[in-house]
Amino acid sequence: MELKQLLEKVAGIFSINDISELGEALFLCVRNNETDKYERFHSLAGDLSEDWMQKIFQYYCADRKNMKQDYTPKTLADFMGRLVGTSETIIDMCAGSGALTIQKWNRDPRPEFLMYEFDEKVIPFLLFNMAVRNISCTVYHSDVLRQKVFRVYRIKKGNPYGVFEEVGNGNVVDF
């Protein structure tokens, strides 16, 4: 499916008219555990081994000029997923939309994932990606360089989609 066609169909799922509204719509979907939207997206995407939200964010929402945002190609994410090996906990220090985690999860869905991301604009894409795949994880909205955590979210295993929980809100915490 072409990216523009995918974007139009995703906009339909979330009843938005402008791509700038997608982040908020994704966050509401995850926060409210709107499984009907997960089901519609899953039916549209089919293969959840691919990070479709990464493509949308990268081409339509990323701040490539000021923040120099670019995202991990699937081949590199797959390679990194192979390098990680086996562990009960996997850490992704610059999670973005979750491409590295998705590729590791494709190989082994059992670990708990700890994900750190600075850009609050991409976090709804990340949370949605984890919930629609039912990936057990904790997402830290954080500045890893300054070792500050602003918010903490968790996706717990559900049936068939992950269940969102906001763990920490509004208090800046040191690592």
N, C-alpha and C. Protein backbone atom coordinates (compact mmCIF):
# COMPACT_ATOMS: atom_id res chain seq x y z
N MET A 1 0.85 -1.17 0.00
CA MET A 1 0.00 0.00 0.00
C MET A 1 0.90 1.24 0.00
N GLU A 2 0.54 2.22 -0.80
CA GLU A 2 1.28 3.47 -0.84
C GLU A 2 1.07 4.26 0.45
N LEU A 3 2.08 5.04 0.81
CA LEU A 3 2.04 5.78 2.06
C LEU A 3 0.88 6.77 2.11
N LYS A 4 0.63 7.46 1.03
CA LYS A 4 -0.48 8.43 1.01
C LYS A 4 -1.82 7.73 1.22
N GLN A 5 -1.99 6.58 0.61
CA GLN A 5 -3.21 5.79 0.78
C GLN A 5 -3.33 5.31 2.23
N LEU A 6 -2.22 4.85 2.80
CA LEU A 6 -2.21 4.42 4.19
C LEU A 6 -2.62 5.57 5.10
N LEU A 7 -2.03 6.74 4.88
CA LEU A 7 -2.35 7.92 5.69
C LEU A 7 -3.83 8.25 5.63
N GLU A 8 -4.41 8.21 4.44
CA GLU A 8 -5.84 8.51 4.28
C GLU A 8 -6.71 7.51 5.05
N LYS A 9 -6.34 6.24 4.99
CA LYS A 9 -7.12 5.22 5.69
C LYS A 9 -6.97 5.34 7.21
N VAL A 10 -5.75 5.65 7.67
CA VAL A 10 -5.53 5.85 9.10
C VAL A 10 -6.31 7.08 9.58
N ALA A 11 -6.31 8.14 8.77
CA ALA A 11 -7.08 9.34 9.12
C ALA A 11 -8.57 8.98 9.25
N GLY A 12 -9.05 8.09 8.40
CA GLY A 12 -10.44 7.65 8.49
C GLY A 12 -10.72 6.88 9.77
N ILE A 13 -9.80 6.03 10.16
CA ILE A 13 -9.98 5.25 11.39
C ILE A 13 -10.13 6.18 12.58
N PHE A 14 -9.32 7.25 12.60
CA PHE A 14 -9.29 8.15 13.75
C PHE A 14 -10.14 9.41 13.56
N SER A 15 -10.89 9.46 12.46
CA SER A 15 -11.80 10.57 12.18
C SER A 15 -11.12 11.93 12.29
N ILE A 16 -9.97 12.05 11.63
CA ILE A 16 -9.25 13.32 11.61
C ILE A 16 -9.19 13.86 10.19
N ASN A 17 -9.08 15.18 10.09
CA ASN A 17 -9.01 15.82 8.78
C ASN A 17 -7.61 16.29 8.44
N ASP A 18 -6.76 16.39 9.44
CA ASP A 18 -5.42 16.92 9.24
C ASP A 18 -4.43 16.03 9.98
N ILE A 19 -3.29 15.76 9.35
CA ILE A 19 -2.27 14.89 9.94
C ILE A 19 -1.79 15.43 11.29
N SER A 20 -1.85 16.74 11.48
CA SER A 20 -1.41 17.32 12.75
C SER A 20 -2.27 16.86 13.93
N GLU A 21 -3.45 16.31 13.66
CA GLU A 21 -4.35 15.83 14.71
C GLU A 21 -4.10 14.36 15.08
N LEU A 22 -3.25 13.68 14.31
CA LEU A 22 -3.09 12.23 14.51
C LEU A 22 -2.48 11.88 15.86
N GLY A 23 -1.46 12.59 16.31
CA GLY A 23 -0.84 12.29 17.60
C GLY A 23 -1.84 12.31 18.74
N GLU A 24 -2.65 13.36 18.79
CA GLU A 24 -3.66 13.47 19.84
C GLU A 24 -4.69 12.35 19.74
N ALA A 25 -5.10 12.04 18.49
CA ALA A 25 -6.09 10.98 18.28
C ALA A 25 -5.52 9.62 18.72
N LEU A 26 -4.25 9.37 18.43
CA LEU A 26 -3.62 8.12 18.85
C LEU A 26 -3.54 8.03 20.37
N PHE A 27 -3.16 9.14 21.01
CA PHE A 27 -3.05 9.13 22.47
C PHE A 27 -4.41 8.87 23.12
N LEU A 28 -5.46 9.50 22.61
CA LEU A 28 -6.81 9.26 23.14
C LEU A 28 -7.22 7.80 22.95
N CYS A 29 -6.90 7.26 21.79
CA CYS A 29 -7.22 5.86 21.51
C CYS A 29 -6.56 4.94 22.52
N VAL A 30 -5.27 5.16 22.77
CA VAL A 30 -4.52 4.32 23.70
C VAL A 30 -5.01 4.54 25.13
N ARG A 31 -5.13 5.80 25.52
CA ARG A 31 -5.55 6.12 26.88
C ARG A 31 -6.92 5.53 27.20
N ASN A 32 -7.82 5.55 26.21
CA ASN A 32 -9.18 5.03 26.41
C ASN A 32 -9.33 3.56 26.02
N ASN A 33 -8.21 2.93 25.65
CA ASN A 33 -8.21 1.51 25.25
C ASN A 33 -9.31 1.21 24.22
N GLU A 34 -9.30 1.97 23.14
CA GLU A 34 -10.31 1.85 22.09
C GLU A 34 -9.98 0.68 21.16
N THR A 35 -10.35 -0.51 21.58
CA THR A 35 -9.98 -1.72 20.85
C THR A 35 -10.59 -1.77 19.44
N ASP A 36 -11.70 -1.09 19.23
CA ASP A 36 -12.28 -1.07 17.89
C ASP A 36 -11.32 -0.40 16.90
N LYS A 37 -10.62 0.63 17.35
CA LYS A 37 -9.65 1.29 16.47
C LYS A 37 -8.41 0.44 16.28
N TYR A 38 -8.00 -0.29 17.31
CA TYR A 38 -6.89 -1.23 17.15
C TYR A 38 -7.26 -2.28 16.11
N GLU A 39 -8.47 -2.80 16.21
CA GLU A 39 -8.93 -3.83 15.27
C GLU A 39 -8.97 -3.30 13.84
N ARG A 40 -9.47 -2.08 13.66
CA ARG A 40 -9.53 -1.49 12.32
C ARG A 40 -8.14 -1.27 11.76
N PHE A 41 -7.21 -0.78 12.59
CA PHE A 41 -5.84 -0.59 12.13
C PHE A 41 -5.19 -1.93 11.81
N HIS A 42 -5.39 -2.91 12.67
CA HIS A 42 -4.81 -4.23 12.45
C HIS A 42 -5.33 -4.83 11.14
N SER A 43 -6.62 -4.67 10.88
CA SER A 43 -7.20 -5.16 9.62
C SER A 43 -6.59 -4.43 8.42
N LEU A 44 -6.38 -3.15 8.57
CA LEU A 44 -5.80 -2.35 7.49
C LEU A 44 -4.34 -2.74 7.25
N ALA A 45 -3.55 -2.79 8.31
CA ALA A 45 -2.12 -3.06 8.18
C ALA A 45 -1.85 -4.53 7.90
N GLY A 46 -2.66 -5.40 8.49
CA GLY A 46 -2.43 -6.83 8.33
C GLY A 46 -1.20 -7.29 9.07
N ASP A 47 -0.06 -7.11 8.47
CA ASP A 47 1.21 -7.57 9.01
C ASP A 47 1.75 -6.57 10.02
N LEU A 48 1.68 -6.91 11.30
CA LEU A 48 2.15 -6.01 12.34
C LEU A 48 3.66 -6.13 12.60
N SER A 49 4.35 -6.92 11.78
CA SER A 49 5.81 -6.96 11.91
C SER A 49 6.42 -5.70 11.29
N GLU A 50 5.65 -4.99 10.54
CA GLU A 50 6.07 -3.73 9.89
C GLU A 50 5.60 -2.55 10.74
N ASP A 51 6.45 -1.54 10.89
CA ASP A 51 6.10 -0.35 11.66
C ASP A 51 5.49 0.70 10.73
N TRP A 52 4.20 0.57 10.48
CA TRP A 52 3.50 1.49 9.58
C TRP A 52 3.43 2.89 10.18
N MET A 53 3.28 2.99 11.48
CA MET A 53 3.21 4.30 12.12
C MET A 53 4.53 5.06 12.00
N GLN A 54 5.63 4.33 11.99
CA GLN A 54 6.93 4.98 11.80
C GLN A 54 6.96 5.70 10.45
N LYS A 55 6.47 5.04 9.43
CA LYS A 55 6.47 5.63 8.09
C LYS A 55 5.64 6.92 8.07
N ILE A 56 4.47 6.86 8.68
CA ILE A 56 3.62 8.05 8.72
C ILE A 56 4.30 9.17 9.50
N PHE A 57 4.83 8.86 10.68
CA PHE A 57 5.48 9.89 11.48
C PHE A 57 6.68 10.47 10.76
N GLN A 58 7.51 9.61 10.22
CA GLN A 58 8.75 10.06 9.57
C GLN A 58 8.47 11.01 8.41
N TYR A 59 7.50 10.68 7.58
CA TYR A 59 7.27 11.48 6.39
C TYR A 59 6.31 12.66 6.58
N TYR A 60 5.49 12.61 7.61
CA TYR A 60 4.50 13.66 7.77
C TYR A 60 4.60 14.46 9.06
N CYS A 61 5.26 13.94 10.08
CA CYS A 61 5.23 14.61 11.38
C CYS A 61 6.61 14.92 11.97
N ALA A 62 7.64 14.24 11.54
CA ALA A 62 8.97 14.41 12.13
C ALA A 62 9.51 15.81 11.88
N ASP A 63 10.26 16.31 12.84
CA ASP A 63 10.92 17.61 12.72
C ASP A 63 12.36 17.34 12.27
N ARG A 64 12.51 17.11 10.98
CA ARG A 64 13.82 16.76 10.45
C ARG A 64 14.78 17.95 10.43
N LYS A 65 14.24 19.14 10.29
CA LYS A 65 15.10 20.32 10.20
C LYS A 65 15.66 20.72 11.56
N ASN A 66 14.81 20.97 12.53
CA ASN A 66 15.26 21.47 13.83
C ASN A 66 15.77 20.39 14.77
N MET A 67 15.08 19.24 14.81
CA MET A 67 15.48 18.18 15.74
C MET A 67 16.30 17.09 15.05
N LYS A 68 16.47 17.23 13.74
CA LYS A 68 17.25 16.24 12.95
C LYS A 68 16.67 14.84 13.09
N GLN A 69 15.36 14.75 13.18
CA GLN A 69 14.71 13.46 13.38
C GLN A 69 14.71 12.65 12.10
N ASP A 70 15.20 11.47 12.22
CA ASP A 70 15.12 10.47 11.17
C ASP A 70 15.01 9.14 11.89
N TYR A 71 14.49 8.16 11.24
CA TYR A 71 14.17 6.94 11.94
C TYR A 71 14.89 5.74 11.36
N THR A 72 15.02 4.73 12.18
CA THR A 72 15.78 3.54 11.87
C THR A 72 15.13 2.75 10.74
N PRO A 73 15.88 2.49 9.66
CA PRO A 73 15.35 1.64 8.60
C PRO A 73 15.06 0.23 9.13
N LYS A 74 14.07 -0.42 8.54
CA LYS A 74 13.67 -1.75 9.03
C LYS A 74 14.84 -2.73 9.01
N THR A 75 15.67 -2.68 7.99
CA THR A 75 16.79 -3.62 7.92
C THR A 75 17.75 -3.44 9.09
N LEU A 76 18.03 -2.18 9.46
CA LEU A 76 18.91 -1.92 10.59
C LEU A 76 18.23 -2.32 11.90
N ALA A 77 16.94 -2.03 12.02
CA ALA A 77 16.20 -2.42 13.22
C ALA A 77 16.20 -3.94 13.37
N ASP A 78 16.01 -4.66 12.28
CA ASP A 78 16.04 -6.12 12.30
C ASP A 78 17.42 -6.62 12.72
N PHE A 79 18.47 -6.04 12.16
CA PHE A 79 19.84 -6.41 12.51
C PHE A 79 20.10 -6.19 14.00
N MET A 80 19.69 -5.02 14.52
CA MET A 80 19.88 -4.72 15.94
C MET A 80 19.08 -5.69 16.81
N GLY A 81 17.89 -6.06 16.36
CA GLY A 81 17.08 -7.03 17.09
C GLY A 81 17.77 -8.38 17.20
N ARG A 82 18.53 -8.73 16.18
CA ARG A 82 19.30 -9.99 16.22
C ARG A 82 20.49 -9.88 17.16
N LEU A 83 21.12 -8.71 17.20
CA LEU A 83 22.30 -8.51 18.03
C LEU A 83 21.99 -8.55 19.52
N VAL A 84 20.81 -8.13 19.90
CA VAL A 84 20.45 -8.01 21.31
C VAL A 84 20.54 -9.35 22.03
N GLY A 85 20.21 -10.42 21.37
CA GLY A 85 20.24 -11.72 22.03
C GLY A 85 18.99 -11.92 22.87
N THR A 86 19.09 -12.80 23.86
CA THR A 86 17.92 -13.08 24.70
C THR A 86 18.10 -12.44 26.07
N SER A 87 17.00 -11.95 26.59
CA SER A 87 16.99 -11.31 27.90
C SER A 87 15.55 -11.18 28.35
N GLU A 88 15.35 -11.09 29.65
CA GLU A 88 14.00 -10.88 30.18
C GLU A 88 13.55 -9.44 30.00
N THR A 89 14.52 -8.51 29.93
CA THR A 89 14.23 -7.09 29.77
C THR A 89 15.10 -6.51 28.67
N ILE A 90 14.47 -5.76 27.77
CA ILE A 90 15.19 -5.11 26.66
C ILE A 90 14.98 -3.61 26.81
N ILE A 91 16.06 -2.84 26.69
CA ILE A 91 15.99 -1.38 26.82
C ILE A 91 16.24 -0.73 25.47
N ASP A 92 15.38 0.22 25.12
CA ASP A 92 15.54 1.03 23.91
C ASP A 92 15.64 2.48 24.36
N MET A 93 16.84 3.06 24.29
CA MET A 93 17.10 4.39 24.85
C MET A 93 16.59 5.55 23.99
N CYS A 94 16.35 5.34 22.74
CA CYS A 94 15.79 6.37 21.83
C CYS A 94 14.71 5.68 21.01
N ALA A 95 13.58 5.44 21.63
CA ALA A 95 12.58 4.53 21.08
C ALA A 95 11.87 5.04 19.83
N GLY A 96 11.71 6.34 19.67
CA GLY A 96 10.96 6.84 18.51
C GLY A 96 9.57 6.22 18.49
N SER A 97 9.19 5.66 17.35
CA SER A 97 7.89 5.01 17.23
C SER A 97 7.94 3.54 17.61
N GLY A 98 9.13 3.03 17.93
CA GLY A 98 9.26 1.66 18.40
C GLY A 98 9.82 0.66 17.41
N ALA A 99 10.45 1.12 16.33
CA ALA A 99 10.92 0.21 15.28
C ALA A 99 11.86 -0.87 15.79
N LEU A 100 12.83 -0.50 16.63
CA LEU A 100 13.77 -1.50 17.15
C LEU A 100 13.05 -2.51 18.03
N THR A 101 12.16 -2.03 18.89
CA THR A 101 11.42 -2.91 19.77
C THR A 101 10.53 -3.85 18.97
N ILE A 102 9.88 -3.34 17.94
CA ILE A 102 9.00 -4.17 17.11
C ILE A 102 9.80 -5.29 16.46
N GLN A 103 10.98 -4.97 15.94
CA GLN A 103 11.78 -6.01 15.29
C GLN A 103 12.28 -7.04 16.29
N LYS A 104 12.64 -6.62 17.49
CA LYS A 104 13.04 -7.58 18.52
C LYS A 104 11.84 -8.43 18.93
N TRP A 105 10.69 -7.78 19.11
CA TRP A 105 9.46 -8.48 19.47
C TRP A 105 9.06 -9.50 18.40
N ASN A 106 9.30 -9.17 17.12
CA ASN A 106 9.01 -10.12 16.04
C ASN A 106 9.78 -11.42 16.24
N ARG A 107 10.97 -11.33 16.79
CA ARG A 107 11.82 -12.50 17.02
C ARG A 107 11.48 -13.21 18.33
N ASP A 108 11.09 -12.41 19.33
CA ASP A 108 10.81 -12.98 20.66
C ASP A 108 9.85 -12.06 21.40
N PRO A 109 8.58 -12.42 21.50
CA PRO A 109 7.58 -11.55 22.13
C PRO A 109 7.56 -11.62 23.66
N ARG A 110 8.43 -12.39 24.26
CA ARG A 110 8.36 -12.60 25.71
C ARG A 110 8.95 -11.50 26.57
N PRO A 111 10.02 -10.80 26.16
CA PRO A 111 10.64 -9.84 27.10
C PRO A 111 9.72 -8.67 27.46
N GLU A 112 10.05 -8.05 28.59
CA GLU A 112 9.48 -6.76 28.99
C GLU A 112 10.38 -5.71 28.35
N PHE A 113 9.80 -4.70 27.74
CA PHE A 113 10.57 -3.66 27.08
C PHE A 113 10.51 -2.37 27.88
N LEU A 114 11.67 -1.74 28.08
CA LEU A 114 11.77 -0.42 28.70
C LEU A 114 12.19 0.53 27.60
N MET A 115 11.37 1.55 27.36
CA MET A 115 11.58 2.43 26.22
C MET A 115 11.65 3.88 26.68
N TYR A 116 12.67 4.58 26.21
CA TYR A 116 12.89 5.97 26.56
C TYR A 116 12.77 6.81 25.31
N GLU A 117 12.02 7.92 25.41
CA GLU A 117 11.86 8.81 24.26
C GLU A 117 11.71 10.24 24.76
N PHE A 118 12.44 11.14 24.12
CA PHE A 118 12.43 12.55 24.48
C PHE A 118 11.28 13.31 23.84
N ASP A 119 11.02 13.08 22.57
CA ASP A 119 10.04 13.86 21.81
C ASP A 119 8.61 13.44 22.14
N GLU A 120 7.89 14.30 22.86
CA GLU A 120 6.52 13.97 23.24
C GLU A 120 5.59 13.86 22.03
N LYS A 121 6.02 14.39 20.89
CA LYS A 121 5.19 14.33 19.68
C LYS A 121 5.12 12.90 19.11
N VAL A 122 6.17 12.11 19.31
CA VAL A 122 6.19 10.74 18.78
C VAL A 122 5.67 9.72 19.78
N ILE A 123 5.58 10.08 21.04
CA ILE A 123 5.16 9.12 22.07
C ILE A 123 3.77 8.52 21.79
N PRO A 124 2.77 9.27 21.31
CA PRO A 124 1.49 8.62 20.99
C PRO A 124 1.63 7.54 19.92
N PHE A 125 2.52 7.74 18.95
CA PHE A 125 2.76 6.75 17.91
C PHE A 125 3.39 5.50 18.53
N LEU A 126 4.33 5.72 19.45
CA LEU A 126 5.00 4.63 20.16
C LEU A 126 4.00 3.84 21.01
N LEU A 127 3.21 4.53 21.79
CA LEU A 127 2.23 3.86 22.65
C LEU A 127 1.22 3.07 21.83
N PHE A 128 0.75 3.66 20.74
CA PHE A 128 -0.20 2.96 19.87
C PHE A 128 0.45 1.71 19.29
N ASN A 129 1.69 1.85 18.79
CA ASN A 129 2.40 0.70 18.23
C ASN A 129 2.52 -0.44 19.23
N MET A 130 2.81 -0.12 20.47
CA MET A 130 2.97 -1.16 21.48
C MET A 130 1.62 -1.79 21.84
N ALA A 131 0.60 -0.97 22.00
CA ALA A 131 -0.72 -1.47 22.39
C ALA A 131 -1.35 -2.34 21.30
N VAL A 132 -1.25 -1.92 20.06
CA VAL A 132 -1.88 -2.69 18.97
C VAL A 132 -1.19 -4.04 18.79
N ARG A 133 0.07 -4.13 19.20
CA ARG A 133 0.81 -5.39 19.11
C ARG A 133 0.78 -6.18 20.42
N ASN A 134 0.18 -5.60 21.45
CA ASN A 134 0.10 -6.24 22.76
C ASN A 134 1.50 -6.50 23.34
N ILE A 135 2.37 -5.50 23.18
CA ILE A 135 3.74 -5.60 23.68
C ILE A 135 3.79 -5.03 25.09
N SER A 136 4.22 -5.84 26.01
CA SER A 136 4.35 -5.41 27.41
C SER A 136 5.56 -4.49 27.53
N CYS A 137 5.32 -3.24 27.98
CA CYS A 137 6.42 -2.29 28.02
C CYS A 137 6.13 -1.16 29.01
N THR A 138 7.21 -0.47 29.35
CA THR A 138 7.12 0.78 30.08
C THR A 138 7.78 1.83 29.22
N VAL A 139 7.07 2.93 28.98
CA VAL A 139 7.57 4.02 28.14
C VAL A 139 7.85 5.22 29.04
N TYR A 140 9.08 5.68 28.96
CA TYR A 140 9.50 6.84 29.74
C TYR A 140 9.62 8.04 28.81
N HIS A 141 8.79 9.06 29.03
CA HIS A 141 9.00 10.34 28.34
C HIS A 141 10.14 10.98 29.12
N SER A 142 11.31 11.03 28.51
CA SER A 142 12.49 11.40 29.29
C SER A 142 13.55 12.07 28.45
N ASP A 143 14.46 12.70 29.14
CA ASP A 143 15.67 13.24 28.55
C ASP A 143 16.80 12.36 29.08
N VAL A 144 17.24 11.40 28.29
CA VAL A 144 18.24 10.46 28.78
C VAL A 144 19.60 11.12 28.99
N LEU A 145 19.89 12.19 28.26
CA LEU A 145 21.18 12.87 28.43
C LEU A 145 21.25 13.61 29.76
N ARG A 146 20.14 14.18 30.18
CA ARG A 146 20.09 14.88 31.47
C ARG A 146 19.58 13.99 32.60
N GLN A 147 19.23 12.77 32.23
CA GLN A 147 18.71 11.77 33.18
C GLN A 147 17.49 12.27 33.94
N LYS A 148 16.51 12.78 33.18
CA LYS A 148 15.25 13.27 33.75
C LYS A 148 14.09 12.50 33.11
N VAL A 149 13.13 12.14 33.93
CA VAL A 149 11.91 11.48 33.45
C VAL A 149 10.74 12.42 33.72
N PHE A 150 9.95 12.68 32.69
CA PHE A 150 8.81 13.60 32.80
C PHE A 150 7.49 12.88 33.03
N ARG A 151 7.29 11.77 32.32
CA ARG A 151 6.08 10.96 32.45
C ARG A 151 6.45 9.50 32.23
N VAL A 152 5.65 8.64 32.81
CA VAL A 152 5.86 7.20 32.65
C VAL A 152 4.53 6.56 32.28
N TYR A 153 4.57 5.75 31.24
CA TYR A 153 3.38 5.03 30.76
C TYR A 153 3.70 3.54 30.73
N ARG A 154 2.67 2.74 30.86
CA ARG A 154 2.86 1.31 30.78
C ARG A 154 1.79 0.73 29.87
N ILE A 155 2.21 -0.24 29.07
CA ILE A 155 1.27 -1.06 28.30
C ILE A 155 1.38 -2.46 28.89
N LYS A 156 0.26 -2.94 29.41
CA LYS A 156 0.22 -4.29 29.98
C LYS A 156 -0.43 -5.22 28.97
N LYS A 157 -0.07 -6.48 29.03
CA LYS A 157 -0.69 -7.47 28.16
C LYS A 157 -2.20 -7.49 28.39
N GLY A 158 -2.92 -7.47 27.28
CA GLY A 158 -4.37 -7.57 27.32
C GLY A 158 -4.81 -8.70 26.41
N ASN A 159 -6.08 -8.68 26.05
CA ASN A 159 -6.57 -9.71 25.15
C ASN A 159 -7.54 -9.10 24.17
N PRO A 160 -7.18 -8.90 22.92
CA PRO A 160 -5.92 -9.22 22.27
C PRO A 160 -4.93 -8.05 22.20
N TYR A 161 -5.33 -6.89 22.71
CA TYR A 161 -4.49 -5.70 22.60
C TYR A 161 -4.01 -5.25 23.98
N GLY A 162 -2.91 -4.52 23.97
CA GLY A 162 -2.35 -4.02 25.22
C GLY A 162 -3.27 -3.03 25.90
N VAL A 163 -3.13 -2.92 27.22
CA VAL A 163 -3.94 -2.03 28.04
C VAL A 163 -3.03 -0.94 28.61
N PHE A 164 -3.41 0.30 28.39
CA PHE A 164 -2.64 1.48 28.78
C PHE A 164 -2.83 1.83 30.24
N GLU A 165 -1.74 2.32 30.84
CA GLU A 165 -1.79 2.85 32.19
C GLU A 165 -0.77 3.97 32.30
N GLU A 166 -1.19 5.12 32.82
CA GLU A 166 -0.23 6.20 33.09
C GLU A 166 0.27 6.01 34.51
N VAL A 167 1.58 5.82 34.64
CA VAL A 167 2.18 5.49 35.92
C VAL A 167 2.65 6.73 36.65
N GLY A 168 3.28 7.64 35.94
CA GLY A 168 3.79 8.86 36.55
C GLY A 168 3.42 10.04 35.69
N ASN A 169 2.94 11.12 36.30
CA ASN A 169 2.45 12.25 35.53
C ASN A 169 2.88 13.56 36.16
N GLY A 170 3.66 14.32 35.39
CA GLY A 170 3.93 15.70 35.77
C GLY A 170 5.07 15.95 36.72
N ASN A 171 5.60 14.95 37.36
CA ASN A 171 6.71 15.17 38.29
C ASN A 171 8.02 14.79 37.61
N VAL A 172 8.92 15.75 37.49
CA VAL A 172 10.22 15.46 36.90
C VAL A 172 11.01 14.65 37.92
N VAL A 173 11.53 13.54 37.48
CA VAL A 173 12.26 12.62 38.36
C VAL A 173 13.65 12.39 37.79
N ASP A 174 14.65 12.36 38.65
CA ASP A 174 15.98 11.99 38.20
C ASP A 174 16.04 10.48 38.05
N PHE A 175 16.90 10.01 37.16
CA PHE A 175 17.10 8.57 36.98
C PHE A 175 17.61 7.97 38.28
